C-alpha cells in the first residue's frame, strides 16, 4: 500500500474548518487556510475533504522517543526533565534547509524513498502510558509540523494533562488564531522556529512571515510558555541587521522569552551554504543580549560556544544552570525557579 493511501486511512474527524457550501471546506489549522473541494488535500498533504467532511491525521506516529527537554530545545521548561516526543508526517512549509526533511517533506518530494518511513499505529492512551512508564514529565509534538495534526495532539494532550503531564508544541508557528485558541486549554509550552525576519524568505519557504509573528505574540499574551529558535544560516539570515530585527521583535513582546540561536549544517536541498561557525552564534547571541534579552542560548555546537549554553540570573549574573549539549552538569536554581544567591525569580516553568 502506498504511504499516502495508508495515511488517508489513519485519520480522525477534523474540527478546525468552516463550511463554504457544496461540500467545500475551509481548513483553519494553519495560515494557508486551504480551500478544500471534495476529494482535495491541503498544502500539508494530510488534511483532506472526504464527502464534505474534514479528515485529519490521527492514530499513528512516525517517530516516538524519550528525549531530554533541552533537545527541543527548551531551557526553561522544566530543565533536566524528560519528554516523550512524537511526530507524524507532512508539513505546511517547504524549507530547503529542513533538518527533519525525511518525515516533513516525504509527501511532496518524489526523491525521498518513502519505503524507509515507518508508521506505527497507536492510541492516545498508550502514548500517555509510555510517557509515564519512562519517567517523562511532559509530552511534545515535534519532528514534523504539529499544527497540521492539531486534533490528534489535542486528544493526546487532554489525556496527558489528566495524568499530570505537561504538554508542548515544537512548531514553525504558521498557525491561525482559531488553531491557537483550540489548542490553548491543553498546551503548556510552545517553541517556535522564527526562521527569518524577511517575508520574501518566508515566501521562498512556502509561507508568510506575519502569521508566525502573530502566533508568537498571541501565544505569549495567552499565557503559554514560549521559547524561540532561529537556525542561523550563513548568507541566509545571519546579517547583523536581521539578527537585530529578530532581537528587537522578541524584546518588544518580552525580554524574558528565551532566544536560541542554533548552528546550521548543510542538509536536504541547501547544501551550498557552509555550516554555521561558533563565532557567528556568539555574534548573534551578543546582539540578543545587547538588545536586552535576558536569556540567550547558542545551540548545536556543544562545548564550542563558551557560557552560551548556560542559564544566568538576569539580576546578579550568577550561573545557575550549566549545560553541555542536551545535558545539565549543574543546577542551582531552586525548585520554584528562584536564584539562590539574590532571590530573583527566573521566567519559566520549573516544577
Protein backbone atom coordinates (compact mmCIF):
# COMPACT_ATOMS: atom_id res chain seq x y z
CA UNK A 1 0.00 0.00 0.00
CA UNK A 2 1.35 3.43 -0.90
CA UNK A 3 2.20 5.66 2.03
CA UNK A 4 -0.34 8.31 1.01
CA UNK A 5 -3.16 5.76 0.87
CA UNK A 6 -2.26 4.37 4.26
CA UNK A 7 -2.19 7.81 5.83
CA UNK A 8 -5.61 8.59 4.36
CA UNK A 9 -6.91 5.63 6.39
CA UNK A 10 -5.21 6.72 9.64
CA UNK A 11 -7.44 9.70 10.30
CA UNK A 12 -9.83 11.24 12.80
CA UNK A 13 -12.58 13.81 12.16
CA UNK A 14 -11.32 17.36 11.86
CA UNK A 15 -12.65 20.23 13.94
CA UNK A 16 -10.84 23.28 12.60
CA UNK A 17 -12.73 24.16 9.44
CA UNK A 18 -15.59 26.21 8.05
CA UNK A 19 -18.16 25.03 5.54
CA UNK A 20 -18.37 27.03 2.33
CA UNK A 21 -21.26 25.18 0.67
CA UNK A 22 -21.42 22.40 -1.92
CA UNK A 23 -19.27 20.14 0.27
CA UNK A 24 -16.42 22.66 0.14
CA UNK A 25 -14.44 23.28 3.33
CA UNK A 26 -12.03 25.98 4.51
CA UNK A 27 -9.34 24.46 6.74
CA UNK A 28 -8.33 26.65 9.70
CA UNK A 29 -5.46 24.63 11.13
CA UNK A 30 -2.72 26.80 9.64
CA UNK A 31 -2.32 30.16 7.97
CA UNK A 32 -2.69 28.73 4.47
CA UNK A 33 -6.42 28.38 5.20
CA UNK A 34 -6.70 25.89 2.32
CA UNK A 35 -9.95 25.75 0.38
CA UNK A 36 -10.75 22.05 0.08
CA UNK A 37 -13.18 20.89 -2.53
CA UNK A 38 -14.40 17.31 -2.22
CA UNK A 39 -11.51 14.87 -2.55
CA UNK A 40 -8.82 17.57 -2.25
CA UNK A 41 -5.86 17.54 0.15
CA UNK A 42 -4.42 20.70 1.66
CA UNK A 43 -0.90 22.02 1.10
CA UNK A 44 0.23 19.93 4.06
CA UNK A 45 -0.76 16.75 2.23
CA UNK A 46 -2.51 15.18 5.21
CA UNK A 47 -5.74 17.14 5.80
CA UNK A 48 -8.40 16.43 3.20
CA UNK A 49 -12.07 16.69 2.31
CA UNK A 50 -13.92 13.38 2.10
CA UNK A 51 -17.58 13.69 1.16
CA UNK A 52 -17.81 17.13 2.73
CA UNK A 53 -16.11 16.10 5.98
CA UNK A 54 -12.62 17.11 7.05
CA UNK A 55 -10.30 14.18 7.73
CA UNK A 56 -7.13 14.82 9.71
CA UNK A 57 -4.14 12.69 10.86
CA UNK A 58 -4.64 10.52 13.92
CA UNK A 59 -3.93 7.14 15.47
CA UNK A 60 -0.30 6.80 14.40
CA UNK A 61 3.22 8.09 14.91
CA UNK A 62 6.20 8.17 12.58
CA UNK A 63 8.55 8.92 15.46
CA UNK A 64 8.25 8.28 19.20
CA UNK A 65 11.03 8.55 21.73
CA UNK A 66 12.00 9.93 25.12
CA UNK A 67 14.38 12.90 24.92
CA UNK A 68 15.90 15.45 27.28
CA UNK A 69 13.68 18.54 27.15
CA UNK A 70 16.79 20.53 26.17
CA UNK A 71 16.75 18.75 22.79
CA UNK A 72 13.55 20.52 21.67
CA UNK A 73 15.16 22.96 22.63
CA UNK A 74 13.55 24.25 25.81
CA UNK A 75 15.81 25.69 28.51
CA UNK A 76 13.17 26.91 30.98
CA UNK A 77 10.54 24.15 30.76
CA UNK A 78 11.46 22.34 33.24
CA UNK A 79 15.24 21.98 32.79
CA UNK A 80 16.67 18.49 33.16
CA UNK A 81 13.34 16.72 32.66
CA UNK A 82 12.49 14.07 30.10
CA UNK A 83 9.85 14.47 27.39
CA UNK A 84 8.08 11.88 25.27
CA UNK A 85 8.25 13.30 21.76
CA UNK A 86 6.00 12.12 18.95
CA UNK A 87 5.94 13.10 15.32
CA UNK A 88 3.85 12.36 12.26
CA UNK A 89 4.30 13.12 8.54
CA UNK A 90 3.90 16.22 6.43
CA UNK A 91 4.43 19.96 6.74
CA UNK A 92 2.81 23.20 5.67
CA UNK A 93 6.18 24.73 4.63
CA UNK A 94 8.86 23.51 2.23
CA UNK A 95 12.15 24.74 3.67
CA UNK A 96 15.14 23.79 1.53
CA UNK A 97 17.29 23.55 4.69
CA UNK A 98 14.89 21.35 6.69
CA UNK A 99 16.69 19.24 9.29
CA UNK A 100 13.78 16.74 9.51
CA UNK A 101 13.11 16.51 5.78
CA UNK A 102 12.66 12.73 5.68
CA UNK A 103 9.36 13.00 7.56
CA UNK A 104 8.27 16.57 6.88
CA UNK A 105 8.72 16.53 3.08
CA UNK A 106 8.12 12.88 2.19
CA UNK A 107 4.60 13.52 0.87
CA UNK A 108 5.66 16.20 -1.63
CA UNK A 109 9.21 15.20 -2.60
CA UNK A 110 9.41 12.31 -5.05
CA UNK A 111 13.15 11.97 -4.41
CA UNK A 112 12.52 10.78 -0.85
CA UNK A 113 12.20 7.00 -0.69
CA UNK A 114 9.06 6.51 1.39
CA UNK A 115 9.64 2.78 1.87
CA UNK A 116 12.05 3.65 4.68
CA UNK A 117 9.43 5.71 6.52
CA UNK A 118 7.91 3.72 9.37
CA UNK A 119 4.36 4.36 10.54
CA UNK A 120 3.23 2.85 13.83
CA UNK A 121 -0.42 2.74 14.82
CA UNK A 122 -1.01 3.81 18.43
CA UNK A 123 -3.77 5.38 20.51
CA UNK A 124 -3.61 8.34 22.85
CA UNK A 125 -3.97 6.20 25.98
CA UNK A 126 -0.92 4.14 25.07
CA UNK A 127 1.18 7.22 24.41
CA UNK A 128 0.43 8.60 27.88
CA UNK A 129 1.32 5.21 29.36
CA UNK A 130 4.65 5.22 27.53
CA UNK A 131 5.43 8.69 28.89
CA UNK A 132 4.65 7.69 32.47
CA UNK A 133 6.49 4.37 32.24
CA UNK A 134 9.63 6.15 31.06
CA UNK A 135 9.58 8.87 33.69
CA UNK A 136 8.79 11.69 31.28
CA UNK A 137 7.34 14.86 32.76
CA UNK A 138 5.80 16.03 29.51
CA UNK A 139 4.65 15.07 26.01
CA UNK A 140 5.63 17.10 22.95
CA UNK A 141 4.55 17.05 19.33
CA UNK A 142 7.59 17.61 17.12
CA UNK A 143 9.70 16.20 14.21
CA UNK A 144 7.16 17.47 11.65
CA UNK A 145 4.75 20.42 11.87
CA UNK A 146 2.28 19.72 14.71
CA UNK A 147 -0.39 22.25 13.75
CA UNK A 148 -1.38 20.13 10.73
CA UNK A 149 -2.35 17.29 13.08
CA UNK A 150 -3.70 19.50 15.84
CA UNK A 151 -6.88 17.48 16.52
CA UNK A 152 -4.79 14.40 17.27
CA UNK A 153 -2.48 16.42 19.50
CA UNK A 154 -5.44 17.77 21.48
CA UNK A 155 -6.75 14.25 22.07
CA UNK A 156 -3.32 13.13 23.31
CA UNK A 157 -2.71 16.25 25.38
CA UNK A 158 -6.14 16.05 27.04
CA UNK A 159 -5.26 12.66 28.50
CA UNK A 160 -1.71 13.79 29.26
CA UNK A 161 -2.96 16.71 31.34
CA UNK A 162 -5.31 14.41 33.25
CA UNK A 163 -2.27 12.24 34.08
CA UNK A 164 -0.34 15.24 35.41
CA UNK A 165 1.97 15.66 32.41
CA UNK A 166 2.93 18.93 30.81
CA UNK A 167 2.49 19.41 27.06
CA UNK A 168 4.40 21.23 24.34
CA UNK A 169 4.42 22.03 20.62
CA UNK A 170 7.63 22.37 18.62
CA UNK A 171 6.36 24.34 15.66
CA UNK A 172 7.10 26.68 12.78
CA UNK A 173 4.35 28.94 14.16
CA UNK A 174 2.45 29.22 10.86
CA UNK A 175 -0.84 28.93 12.70
CA UNK A 176 -4.18 30.76 12.96
CA UNK A 177 -5.96 32.43 15.89
CA UNK A 178 -8.54 29.63 15.70
CA UNK A 179 -5.98 26.83 15.98
CA UNK A 180 -4.14 28.52 18.82
CA UNK A 181 -7.38 29.06 20.74
CA UNK A 182 -8.39 25.43 20.18
CA UNK A 183 -5.04 24.17 21.45
CA UNK A 184 -4.53 26.57 24.35
CA UNK A 185 -6.59 24.75 27.05
CA UNK A 186 -4.33 21.68 26.86
CA UNK A 187 -0.98 23.26 25.96
CA UNK A 188 1.73 24.48 28.35
CA UNK A 189 4.73 25.30 26.16
CA UNK A 190 5.32 26.46 22.60
CA UNK A 191 8.67 26.53 20.87
CA UNK A 192 8.57 28.48 17.61
CA UNK A 193 11.14 28.42 14.82
CA UNK A 194 11.48 32.04 13.76
CA UNK A 195 13.39 31.31 10.58
CA UNK A 196 13.85 34.85 9.27
CA UNK A 197 12.51 38.38 9.60
CA UNK A 198 12.12 38.61 5.83
CA UNK A 199 8.71 37.97 4.29
CA UNK A 200 10.44 37.26 0.97
CA UNK A 201 12.42 34.45 2.62
CA UNK A 202 9.24 33.01 4.10
CA UNK A 203 7.56 33.05 0.70
CA UNK A 204 10.50 31.03 -0.65
CA UNK A 205 9.66 28.51 2.06
CA UNK A 206 6.01 28.45 1.04
CA UNK A 207 4.65 30.65 3.82
CA UNK A 208 4.48 34.21 5.12
CA UNK A 209 6.20 35.97 7.99
CA UNK A 210 3.30 37.83 9.61
CA UNK A 211 1.30 34.78 10.78
CA UNK A 212 4.41 33.49 12.58
CA UNK A 213 4.94 36.82 14.34
CA UNK A 214 1.24 36.90 15.25
CA UNK A 215 1.42 33.37 16.68
CA UNK A 216 4.36 34.25 18.92
CA UNK A 217 2.69 37.39 20.19
CA UNK A 218 -0.70 35.72 20.73
CA UNK A 219 0.80 32.70 22.47
CA UNK A 220 2.63 34.91 24.94
CA UNK A 221 -0.48 37.01 25.57
CA UNK A 222 -2.46 33.79 26.16
CA UNK A 223 -0.11 32.77 28.97
CA UNK A 224 1.76 29.98 27.20
CA UNK A 225 5.42 29.48 27.97
CA UNK A 226 7.20 30.49 24.74
CA UNK A 227 10.77 29.94 23.57
CA UNK A 228 12.07 30.96 20.13
CA UNK A 229 14.70 29.30 17.97
CA UNK A 230 16.50 30.77 14.98
CA UNK A 231 18.58 28.39 12.90
CA UNK A 232 21.35 30.77 11.85
CA UNK A 233 22.35 30.05 8.24
CA UNK A 234 25.33 31.81 6.66
CA UNK A 235 24.21 34.06 3.82
CA UNK A 236 20.53 33.45 4.57
CA UNK A 237 19.64 35.12 7.87
CA UNK A 238 22.93 35.85 9.64
CA UNK A 239 23.36 39.56 8.87
CA UNK A 240 23.67 41.91 11.83
CA UNK A 241 20.63 43.80 10.56
CA UNK A 242 18.37 40.76 10.58
CA UNK A 243 19.65 39.47 13.91
CA UNK A 244 18.98 42.90 15.43
CA UNK A 245 15.49 42.91 13.93
CA UNK A 246 14.78 39.47 15.41
CA UNK A 247 16.09 40.53 18.82
CA UNK A 248 14.06 43.73 18.87
CA UNK A 249 10.89 41.86 17.93
CA UNK A 250 11.35 39.38 20.78
CA UNK A 251 12.24 42.14 23.26
CA UNK A 252 9.12 44.08 22.25
CA UNK A 253 6.99 41.13 23.37
CA UNK A 254 9.02 40.17 26.44
CA UNK A 255 12.68 40.28 27.47
CA UNK A 256 12.03 37.01 29.29
CA UNK A 257 11.41 34.93 26.15
CA UNK A 258 14.48 32.69 25.70
CA UNK A 259 16.08 33.02 22.27
CA UNK A 260 18.08 30.06 20.95
CA UNK A 261 20.46 30.74 18.09
CA UNK A 262 21.45 27.37 16.68
CA UNK A 263 24.02 26.17 14.18
CA UNK A 264 23.04 25.03 10.70
CA UNK A 265 24.68 22.12 8.92
CA UNK A 266 24.26 21.54 5.16
CA UNK A 267 21.23 19.32 4.65
CA UNK A 268 18.37 18.41 2.31
CA UNK A 269 18.42 20.82 -0.67
CA UNK A 270 20.55 23.61 0.80
CA UNK A 271 23.97 22.06 0.51
CA UNK A 272 25.88 25.09 -0.74
CA UNK A 273 25.75 27.16 2.46
CA UNK A 274 28.62 26.40 4.88
CA UNK A 275 27.99 25.09 8.37
CA UNK A 276 27.49 27.85 10.92
CA UNK A 277 30.70 28.61 12.82
CA UNK A 278 30.73 29.18 16.56
CA UNK A 279 31.79 32.79 16.01
CA UNK A 280 28.53 33.52 14.17
CA UNK A 281 26.46 32.13 17.05
CA UNK A 282 28.48 34.17 19.52
CA UNK A 283 27.87 37.30 17.44
CA UNK A 284 24.13 36.56 17.23
CA UNK A 285 23.95 35.96 20.99
CA UNK A 286 25.78 39.19 21.74
CA UNK A 287 23.26 41.07 19.61
CA UNK A 288 20.40 39.45 21.53
CA UNK A 289 21.99 40.37 24.84
CA UNK A 290 22.66 43.96 23.73
CA UNK A 291 19.02 44.21 22.65
CA UNK A 292 18.02 43.48 26.24
CA UNK A 293 17.01 39.83 26.13
CA UNK A 294 17.51 38.15 29.50
CA UNK A 295 18.07 34.61 28.23
CA UNK A 296 20.04 33.95 25.04
CA UNK A 297 21.40 30.50 24.22
CA UNK A 298 23.62 29.08 21.48
CA UNK A 299 22.99 25.50 20.39
CA UNK A 300 24.10 22.62 18.17
CA UNK A 301 27.80 23.22 18.95
CA UNK A 302 28.23 21.77 22.46
CA UNK A 303 31.38 22.87 24.22
CA UNK A 304 32.28 25.39 21.48
CA UNK A 305 30.19 28.43 22.47
CA UNK A 306 31.57 29.16 25.93
CA UNK A 307 28.94 30.07 28.51
CA UNK A 308 26.13 30.47 25.95
CA UNK A 309 24.72 27.06 26.84
CA UNK A 310 24.22 28.12 30.45
CA UNK A 311 21.46 29.96 32.33
CA UNK A 312 22.39 33.03 34.36
CA UNK A 313 20.42 35.07 36.85
CA UNK A 314 19.25 38.20 34.99
CA UNK A 315 19.83 40.33 38.12
CA UNK A 316 23.04 39.17 39.83
CA UNK A 317 24.51 37.40 36.76
CA UNK A 318 25.50 34.29 38.74
CA UNK A 319 25.49 30.99 36.76
CA UNK A 320 22.51 28.86 37.79
CA UNK A 321 22.36 26.05 35.22
CA UNK A 322 25.44 24.74 33.44
CA UNK A 323 24.92 22.65 30.31
CA UNK A 324 26.83 20.81 27.66
CA UNK A 325 24.66 19.95 24.70
CA UNK A 326 21.42 18.39 25.93
CA UNK A 327 22.82 17.52 29.35
CA UNK A 328 22.75 19.52 32.59
CA UNK A 329 26.03 19.49 34.51
CA UNK A 330 24.96 21.68 37.43
CA UNK A 331 21.61 23.10 38.51
CA UNK A 332 21.43 25.66 41.31
CA UNK A 333 18.10 27.30 40.55
CA UNK A 334 15.51 26.46 43.22
CA UNK A 335 12.53 24.19 42.57
CA UNK A 336 10.29 27.23 42.12
CA UNK A 337 12.70 28.90 39.70
CA UNK A 338 14.48 31.36 42.01
CA UNK A 339 18.12 32.38 42.15
CA UNK A 340 19.61 31.05 45.42
CA UNK A 341 22.01 34.00 45.56
CA UNK A 342 19.70 37.01 45.27
CA UNK A 343 16.20 35.52 45.27
CA UNK A 344 15.25 36.74 41.79
CA UNK A 345 12.55 34.61 40.20
CA UNK A 346 13.55 33.42 36.76
CA UNK A 347 10.98 33.26 33.99
CA UNK A 348 9.92 29.75 33.05
CA UNK A 349 8.10 26.57 34.04
CA UNK A 350 10.22 24.97 36.75
CA UNK A 351 8.39 22.34 38.80
